[in-house]
N, C-alpha and C. Protein backbone atom coordinates (compact mmCIF):
# COMPACT_ATOMS: atom_id res chain seq x y z
N MET A 1 -24.34 1.15 2.36
CA MET A 1 -23.46 1.10 1.86
C MET A 1 -22.23 1.49 2.49
N MET A 2 -21.01 0.82 2.50
CA MET A 2 -19.59 1.09 3.31
C MET A 2 -18.64 1.57 2.63
N LEU A 3 -18.45 3.00 3.43
CA LEU A 3 -17.33 3.28 2.98
C LEU A 3 -16.04 3.06 3.75
N LEU A 4 -14.72 3.20 3.25
CA LEU A 4 -13.70 2.80 3.74
C LEU A 4 -12.76 4.14 3.94
N PRO A 5 -12.88 5.01 4.64
CA PRO A 5 -12.03 6.44 4.49
C PRO A 5 -10.92 6.28 4.45
N ILE A 6 -10.06 5.69 5.18
CA ILE A 6 -8.54 5.49 5.08
C ILE A 6 -8.14 4.74 4.00
N SER A 7 -8.96 3.71 3.40
CA SER A 7 -8.50 3.01 2.14
C SER A 7 -8.65 3.89 1.25
N LEU A 8 -9.65 4.23 1.05
CA LEU A 8 -10.16 5.43 0.19
C LEU A 8 -9.16 6.72 -0.19
N THR A 9 -9.14 7.01 0.77
CA THR A 9 -7.84 7.98 1.00
C THR A 9 -6.54 7.89 0.56
N ILE A 10 -5.84 6.82 1.14
CA ILE A 10 -4.55 6.47 0.84
C ILE A 10 -4.58 5.89 -0.52
N ALA A 11 -5.45 5.02 -0.94
CA ALA A 11 -5.59 4.66 -2.71
C ALA A 11 -5.25 5.93 -3.68
N ALA A 12 -6.38 6.83 -3.20
CA ALA A 12 -6.41 8.34 -4.03
C ALA A 12 -4.94 8.59 -3.84
N GLY A 13 -4.34 8.91 -2.84
CA GLY A 13 -2.95 9.65 -2.69
C GLY A 13 -1.78 8.67 -3.57
N ALA A 14 -2.15 7.26 -3.44
CA ALA A 14 -1.24 6.48 -4.21
C ALA A 14 -1.34 6.51 -5.92
N ALA A 15 -2.69 6.88 -6.32
CA ALA A 15 -3.02 7.09 -7.53
C ALA A 15 -2.23 8.44 -8.04
N LEU A 16 -2.50 9.17 -7.07
CA LEU A 16 -1.69 10.77 -7.42
C LEU A 16 -0.26 10.60 -7.41
N LEU A 17 0.21 9.96 -6.64
CA LEU A 17 1.82 9.44 -6.61
C LEU A 17 2.44 8.72 -7.71
N ASN A 18 1.63 7.88 -8.34
CA ASN A 18 1.61 7.03 -9.58
C ASN A 18 1.65 7.79 -10.48
N LEU A 19 0.86 8.75 -10.72
CA LEU A 19 1.09 9.85 -11.76
C LEU A 19 2.39 10.94 -11.76
N TRP A 20 2.46 11.28 -10.48
CA TRP A 20 3.74 12.16 -10.30
C TRP A 20 4.99 11.06 -10.68
N LEU A 21 4.97 9.92 -10.22
CA LEU A 21 6.21 9.25 -10.95
C LEU A 21 6.27 8.84 -12.10
N SER A 22 5.04 8.71 -13.01
CA SER A 22 4.83 8.43 -14.34
C SER A 22 5.42 9.75 -15.04
N LEU A 23 5.04 11.00 -14.48
CA LEU A 23 5.37 12.29 -15.30
C LEU A 23 7.03 12.25 -14.96
N ARG A 24 7.62 11.88 -13.90
CA ARG A 24 9.06 12.26 -13.37
C ARG A 24 9.57 11.46 -14.58
N VAL A 25 9.44 10.23 -15.16
CA VAL A 25 10.01 9.09 -15.99
C VAL A 25 9.79 9.82 -17.11
N GLY A 26 8.43 10.30 -17.69
CA GLY A 26 8.31 10.93 -18.99
C GLY A 26 9.51 12.16 -19.19
N ARG A 27 9.37 13.05 -18.12
CA ARG A 27 10.20 14.31 -17.94
C ARG A 27 11.75 13.69 -18.40
N ILE A 28 12.25 12.61 -17.59
CA ILE A 28 13.68 12.47 -18.02
C ILE A 28 14.11 11.49 -19.38
N ARG A 29 12.96 10.94 -19.67
CA ARG A 29 12.84 10.37 -21.16
C ARG A 29 13.09 11.56 -22.02
N SER A 30 12.14 12.74 -21.89
CA SER A 30 12.29 13.67 -23.12
C SER A 30 13.47 14.75 -23.13
N GLN A 31 14.18 14.70 -21.45
CA GLN A 31 15.37 15.52 -21.56
C GLN A 31 16.28 14.72 -22.25
N GLU A 32 16.51 13.24 -22.09
CA GLU A 32 17.58 12.32 -22.48
C GLU A 32 17.05 12.01 -23.95
N LYS A 33 16.14 12.36 -24.39
CA LYS A 33 15.54 11.96 -26.11
C LYS A 33 15.73 10.47 -26.05
N ILE A 34 14.85 9.52 -24.94
CA ILE A 34 15.10 8.19 -24.86
C ILE A 34 13.67 7.76 -24.78
N PHE A 35 12.85 7.26 -25.70
CA PHE A 35 11.24 7.18 -25.64
C PHE A 35 11.14 5.75 -25.83
N VAL A 36 11.96 4.95 -25.98
CA VAL A 36 11.70 3.58 -25.37
C VAL A 36 12.58 2.76 -24.95
N GLY A 37 12.48 2.07 -23.94
CA GLY A 37 13.33 1.34 -23.12
C GLY A 37 13.99 2.40 -22.03
N ASP A 38 15.43 2.10 -21.90
CA ASP A 38 15.96 2.94 -21.09
C ASP A 38 17.41 3.56 -21.88
N GLY A 39 17.64 2.80 -22.58
CA GLY A 39 18.70 3.61 -23.73
C GLY A 39 20.22 3.40 -22.69
N GLY A 40 20.25 2.68 -21.68
CA GLY A 40 21.31 2.44 -20.74
C GLY A 40 21.70 3.82 -20.12
N ASN A 41 20.90 4.53 -19.91
CA ASN A 41 21.28 5.91 -19.48
C ASN A 41 20.47 5.49 -18.22
N GLU A 42 21.51 5.93 -16.86
CA GLU A 42 21.31 5.51 -15.67
C GLU A 42 20.19 6.31 -15.10
N ALA A 43 19.82 7.76 -15.51
CA ALA A 43 18.86 8.48 -14.99
C ALA A 43 17.73 8.13 -15.21
N VAL A 44 17.57 7.60 -16.69
CA VAL A 44 16.45 7.21 -17.11
C VAL A 44 15.96 5.94 -16.14
N ILE A 45 17.01 4.93 -15.97
CA ILE A 45 16.66 3.66 -15.15
C ILE A 45 16.28 4.05 -13.70
N ARG A 46 17.23 5.04 -13.16
CA ARG A 46 16.60 5.23 -11.88
C ARG A 46 15.14 5.56 -11.65
N ARG A 47 14.86 6.58 -12.68
CA ARG A 47 13.03 7.11 -12.60
C ARG A 47 12.27 5.65 -12.79
N MET A 48 12.66 4.93 -13.85
CA MET A 48 11.95 3.85 -14.04
C MET A 48 11.70 3.03 -12.95
N ARG A 49 12.87 2.70 -12.35
CA ARG A 49 12.74 1.89 -11.11
C ARG A 49 12.30 2.36 -9.92
N ALA A 50 12.31 3.63 -9.69
CA ALA A 50 11.48 4.23 -8.63
C ALA A 50 9.97 3.86 -8.80
N HIS A 51 9.67 4.18 -10.15
CA HIS A 51 8.10 3.81 -10.50
C HIS A 51 7.73 2.56 -10.36
N SER A 52 8.73 1.70 -10.93
CA SER A 52 8.18 0.31 -10.82
C SER A 52 8.37 -0.43 -9.48
N ASN A 53 9.28 0.11 -8.63
CA ASN A 53 9.14 -0.12 -7.33
C ASN A 53 7.79 0.28 -6.44
N PHE A 54 7.58 1.37 -6.77
CA PHE A 54 6.41 1.92 -6.12
C PHE A 54 4.95 0.90 -6.47
N VAL A 55 4.86 0.51 -7.87
CA VAL A 55 4.02 -0.38 -8.41
C VAL A 55 4.04 -1.67 -7.58
N GLU A 56 5.39 -2.34 -7.47
CA GLU A 56 5.41 -3.76 -6.72
C GLU A 56 4.90 -3.46 -5.78
N ASN A 57 5.20 -2.58 -4.68
CA ASN A 57 4.79 -2.52 -3.17
C ASN A 57 3.49 -2.11 -2.99
N THR A 58 2.75 -1.19 -3.92
CA THR A 58 1.65 -0.13 -3.43
C THR A 58 0.34 -1.40 -3.36
N ALA A 59 0.45 -2.16 -4.40
CA ALA A 59 -0.58 -3.31 -4.18
C ALA A 59 -0.86 -3.94 -3.08
N PHE A 60 0.28 -4.34 -2.67
CA PHE A 60 0.22 -5.40 -1.15
C PHE A 60 -0.19 -4.47 -0.34
N VAL A 61 0.18 -3.08 -0.20
CA VAL A 61 0.06 -2.39 0.90
C VAL A 61 -1.59 -2.15 1.14
N LEU A 62 -2.06 -1.73 -0.22
CA LEU A 62 -3.34 -1.26 -0.18
C LEU A 62 -4.50 -2.28 -0.02
N ILE A 63 -4.15 -3.80 -0.60
CA ILE A 63 -4.95 -4.42 -0.30
C ILE A 63 -4.73 -4.92 1.27
N LEU A 64 -3.80 -4.85 2.09
CA LEU A 64 -3.85 -5.09 3.30
C LEU A 64 -4.40 -4.12 4.13
N LEU A 65 -4.36 -2.88 3.38
CA LEU A 65 -4.90 -1.66 4.50
C LEU A 65 -6.24 -1.82 4.53
N VAL A 66 -7.09 -2.25 3.06
CA VAL A 66 -8.31 -2.34 3.06
C VAL A 66 -8.90 -3.51 3.46
N LEU A 67 -8.27 -4.52 3.94
CA LEU A 67 -8.62 -5.95 5.07
C LEU A 67 -8.76 -5.49 5.95
N VAL A 68 -7.54 -5.06 6.45
CA VAL A 68 -7.44 -4.71 7.99
C VAL A 68 -8.51 -3.50 8.46
N GLU A 69 -8.82 -2.70 7.49
CA GLU A 69 -9.98 -1.51 7.74
C GLU A 69 -11.36 -2.41 7.82
N LEU A 70 -11.31 -3.16 6.98
CA LEU A 70 -12.67 -3.73 7.07
C LEU A 70 -12.90 -5.03 8.28
N GLY A 71 -11.81 -5.10 8.73
CA GLY A 71 -11.89 -6.32 9.71
C GLY A 71 -11.93 -5.71 11.25
N LEU A 72 -10.98 -4.64 11.22
CA LEU A 72 -10.92 -3.85 12.77
C LEU A 72 -11.22 -2.52 12.53
N GLY A 73 -11.84 -2.07 11.62
CA GLY A 73 -12.43 -0.68 11.56
C GLY A 73 -11.23 0.46 11.52
N SER A 74 -11.77 1.62 11.31
CA SER A 74 -10.71 3.07 11.30
C SER A 74 -10.17 3.08 12.48
N SER A 75 -9.08 3.67 12.55
CA SER A 75 -8.26 3.76 13.70
C SER A 75 -6.98 4.78 13.10
N MET A 76 -6.69 5.67 14.10
CA MET A 76 -5.70 6.79 13.89
C MET A 76 -4.27 5.75 13.41
N TRP A 77 -4.17 4.54 14.05
CA TRP A 77 -2.93 4.00 13.80
C TRP A 77 -2.81 3.76 12.20
N LEU A 78 -3.88 2.87 11.72
CA LEU A 78 -4.22 3.03 10.23
C LEU A 78 -4.16 3.99 9.49
N TRP A 79 -4.44 5.34 9.69
CA TRP A 79 -4.46 6.60 9.20
C TRP A 79 -2.93 6.78 9.17
N GLY A 80 -2.08 6.66 10.04
CA GLY A 80 -0.36 6.92 10.28
C GLY A 80 0.17 5.94 9.13
N ALA A 81 -0.37 4.85 9.42
CA ALA A 81 0.74 3.67 8.70
C ALA A 81 0.63 4.22 6.96
N GLY A 82 -0.96 4.18 6.75
CA GLY A 82 -1.18 4.61 5.19
C GLY A 82 -0.46 5.95 4.63
N ALA A 83 -0.39 6.90 5.55
CA ALA A 83 0.11 8.37 5.30
C ALA A 83 1.40 8.12 5.22
N LEU A 84 2.39 7.31 6.20
CA LEU A 84 4.01 7.17 6.41
C LEU A 84 4.19 6.20 4.94
N TYR A 85 3.33 5.44 4.56
CA TYR A 85 3.62 4.63 3.51
C TYR A 85 3.78 5.60 2.15
N LEU A 86 3.08 6.44 1.99
CA LEU A 86 2.92 7.47 1.22
C LEU A 86 4.37 8.25 1.02
N VAL A 87 4.44 8.70 2.28
CA VAL A 87 5.62 9.89 2.54
C VAL A 87 7.01 8.90 2.12
N GLY A 88 6.94 7.63 2.53
CA GLY A 88 8.12 6.60 2.42
C GLY A 88 8.37 6.25 1.04
N ARG A 89 7.34 6.51 0.17
CA ARG A 89 7.51 6.38 -1.52
C ARG A 89 8.01 7.67 -2.16
N ILE A 90 7.38 8.50 -1.31
CA ILE A 90 8.14 9.90 -2.15
C ILE A 90 9.47 9.89 -1.84
N LEU A 91 9.93 9.72 -0.40
CA LEU A 91 11.39 9.85 -0.01
C LEU A 91 12.17 8.68 -1.06
N HIS A 92 11.66 7.58 -1.22
CA HIS A 92 12.64 6.81 -1.94
C HIS A 92 12.62 7.05 -3.46
N ALA A 93 11.41 7.67 -4.02
CA ALA A 93 11.86 8.14 -5.41
C ALA A 93 12.56 9.45 -5.70
N LEU A 94 12.77 10.25 -4.31
CA LEU A 94 13.79 11.18 -4.32
C LEU A 94 15.17 10.63 -4.05
N GLY A 95 15.26 9.69 -3.64
CA GLY A 95 16.69 8.98 -3.17
C GLY A 95 16.97 8.37 -4.65
N MET A 96 16.24 7.60 -5.49
CA MET A 96 16.52 7.09 -6.57
C MET A 96 17.47 8.16 -7.36
N ASP A 97 16.84 9.53 -6.93
CA ASP A 97 17.66 10.58 -7.76
C ASP A 97 19.10 11.28 -7.33
N GLY A 98 19.39 10.70 -6.21
CA GLY A 98 20.45 10.73 -5.77
C GLY A 98 20.68 11.00 -4.09
N MET A 99 19.63 11.41 -3.45
CA MET A 99 19.32 11.66 -2.07
C MET A 99 19.22 10.39 -1.25
N MET A 100 20.34 9.64 -1.34
CA MET A 100 20.44 8.48 -0.80
C MET A 100 19.95 8.16 0.54
N TRP A 101 19.95 8.96 1.30
CA TRP A 101 19.13 8.82 2.78
C TRP A 101 17.75 8.79 2.40
N GLY A 102 17.15 9.30 1.40
CA GLY A 102 15.54 9.39 1.12
C GLY A 102 15.12 7.93 0.53
N ARG A 103 16.66 7.07 -0.06
CA ARG A 103 15.98 5.82 -0.79
C ARG A 103 16.06 5.02 0.35
N MET A 104 17.28 5.01 1.29
CA MET A 104 17.24 4.38 2.53
C MET A 104 15.74 4.20 3.34
N ALA A 105 15.54 5.64 3.92
CA ALA A 105 14.39 5.94 4.68
C ALA A 105 13.24 5.42 4.01
N GLY A 106 13.00 5.55 2.57
CA GLY A 106 11.75 5.21 2.25
C GLY A 106 11.73 3.52 1.85
N THR A 107 12.41 2.96 1.56
CA THR A 107 12.52 1.34 1.77
C THR A 107 12.52 1.08 3.11
N THR A 108 12.98 1.62 4.26
CA THR A 108 12.75 0.95 5.56
C THR A 108 11.16 1.11 5.94
N ILE A 109 10.57 2.21 5.59
CA ILE A 109 9.26 2.83 5.69
C ILE A 109 8.47 1.87 4.80
N THR A 110 8.80 1.53 3.71
CA THR A 110 7.69 0.76 3.13
C THR A 110 7.99 -0.65 3.50
N MET A 111 8.95 -1.12 4.26
CA MET A 111 9.08 -2.59 4.63
C MET A 111 8.57 -2.71 5.86
N ALA A 112 8.58 -1.59 6.76
CA ALA A 112 7.86 -1.42 8.16
C ALA A 112 6.31 -1.55 7.87
N THR A 113 6.03 -0.43 7.18
CA THR A 113 4.43 -0.45 6.67
C THR A 113 3.64 -1.83 6.45
N GLN A 114 4.49 -2.38 5.48
CA GLN A 114 4.33 -3.93 4.87
C GLN A 114 4.20 -5.03 6.01
N ILE A 115 5.28 -5.22 7.09
CA ILE A 115 5.23 -5.76 7.84
C ILE A 115 4.30 -5.68 9.08
N GLY A 116 3.79 -4.28 9.41
CA GLY A 116 3.34 -3.81 10.69
C GLY A 116 1.47 -4.21 10.05
N LEU A 117 1.11 -4.21 8.65
CA LEU A 117 0.17 -4.41 7.78
C LEU A 117 -0.28 -6.05 8.10
N ALA A 118 1.10 -6.81 7.90
CA ALA A 118 0.92 -8.10 7.44
C ALA A 118 0.49 -8.74 9.19
N ILE A 119 1.34 -8.51 10.00
CA ILE A 119 1.52 -8.73 11.30
C ILE A 119 -0.33 -8.20 12.03
N THR A 120 -0.92 -7.18 11.73
CA THR A 120 -1.77 -6.70 12.22
C THR A 120 -3.19 -7.56 11.53
N ALA A 121 -3.04 -8.03 10.52
CA ALA A 121 -3.96 -8.74 9.72
C ALA A 121 -3.59 -10.31 10.51
N LEU A 122 -2.58 -10.78 10.57
CA LEU A 122 -2.57 -12.03 10.92
C LEU A 122 -3.26 -11.99 12.44
N VAL A 123 -3.00 -11.14 13.47
CA VAL A 123 -3.29 -11.13 14.58
C VAL A 123 -4.99 -11.01 14.81
N ALA A 124 -5.35 -10.06 13.74
CA ALA A 124 -6.75 -9.69 13.74
C ALA A 124 -7.59 -11.29 13.53
N VAL A 125 -7.01 -12.19 12.49
CA VAL A 125 -7.70 -13.29 12.19
C VAL A 125 -7.21 -14.25 13.37
N TYR A 126 -6.30 -14.38 14.29
CA TYR A 126 -5.77 -15.59 14.95
C TYR A 126 -6.08 -15.29 16.31
N LEU A 127 -6.30 -14.09 16.62
CA LEU A 127 -6.64 -13.77 18.11
C LEU A 127 -8.02 -12.99 18.11
N THR A 128 -8.86 -13.04 17.41
CA THR A 128 -10.23 -12.81 17.30
C THR A 128 -10.94 -14.05 17.51
N PRO A 129 -11.86 -13.96 18.60
CA PRO A 129 -12.87 -15.10 18.82
C PRO A 129 -13.85 -15.04 17.66
N VAL A 130 -14.31 -16.17 17.16
CA VAL A 130 -14.91 -16.19 15.94
C VAL A 130 -15.96 -17.64 16.34
N SER A 131 -17.06 -17.72 16.26
CA SER A 131 -18.14 -18.30 16.55
C SER A 131 -18.90 -18.95 15.11
N PHE A 132 -18.71 -20.28 15.01
CA PHE A 132 -18.84 -21.09 13.80
C PHE A 132 -20.40 -21.22 13.88
N THR A 133 -21.29 -21.01 14.68
CA THR A 133 -22.68 -21.21 14.59
C THR A 133 -23.33 -19.79 14.20
N SER A 134 -24.30 -20.09 13.20
CA SER A 134 -24.87 -18.84 12.86
C SER A 134 -26.47 -19.01 13.66
N SER A 135 -27.16 -17.78 13.76
CA SER A 135 -28.49 -17.97 14.32
C SER A 135 -29.24 -18.67 13.44
N ALA A 136 -29.41 -18.84 11.96
CA ALA A 136 -29.99 -19.52 11.08
C ALA A 136 -29.84 -21.20 11.49
N VAL A 137 -28.46 -21.15 11.76
CA VAL A 137 -28.28 -22.88 12.26
C VAL A 137 -28.82 -23.28 13.41
N THR A 138 -28.54 -22.32 14.45
CA THR A 138 -29.02 -22.49 15.74
C THR A 138 -30.54 -22.79 15.89
N GLU A 139 -31.32 -21.65 15.04
CA GLU A 139 -32.93 -21.68 15.13
C GLU A 139 -33.18 -23.17 14.55
N THR A 140 -32.55 -23.50 13.37
CA THR A 140 -33.11 -24.53 12.83
C THR A 140 -32.83 -25.89 13.78
N VAL A 141 -31.63 -26.08 14.57
CA VAL A 141 -31.46 -27.13 15.46
C VAL A 141 -32.66 -27.10 16.39
N VAL A 142 -32.68 -25.90 16.87
CA VAL A 142 -33.97 -25.67 18.14
C VAL A 142 -35.12 -26.29 17.69
N LEU A 143 -35.65 -25.65 16.32
CA LEU A 143 -36.95 -26.03 15.77
C LEU A 143 -37.30 -27.59 15.52
N GLU A 144 -35.87 -28.24 15.03
CA GLU A 144 -36.13 -29.65 14.98
C GLU A 144 -35.97 -30.60 16.25
N SER A 145 -35.47 -30.06 17.32
CA SER A 145 -35.44 -31.02 18.53
C SER A 145 -36.66 -30.71 19.08
N LYS A 146 -37.66 -29.90 18.91
CA LYS A 146 -38.90 -29.84 19.53
C LYS A 146 -40.12 -30.23 19.12
């Protein structure tokens, strides 16, 4: 069995962060007595968008994280990228409540993480030497030539 410690840890952190964002939406809905939709309320809209934006970006980051870890193995760089992504999403959520520098920092961190993981994935694919012959094919060719 193969464990992916980085991907599993970051996915667990993302799941907890998703729950936190959901609770924040629920809390503001209760305070504002808006239980369906956004009611045109800016605070509800901001919390909903922070949660939606998290969901929109996290799938790509987790998929890239898993595939890079599978292809290249665990590394401190990958741990850092995953942890930084989660910090960025927290900053973004807080920024949506008015801490504007947090929103900007969170957005920048999110984009940088996705670009970094995407470039790493492409580099891994196109700069890793690959052999297209397997040992089974080689053995068959050798046996047939005898």
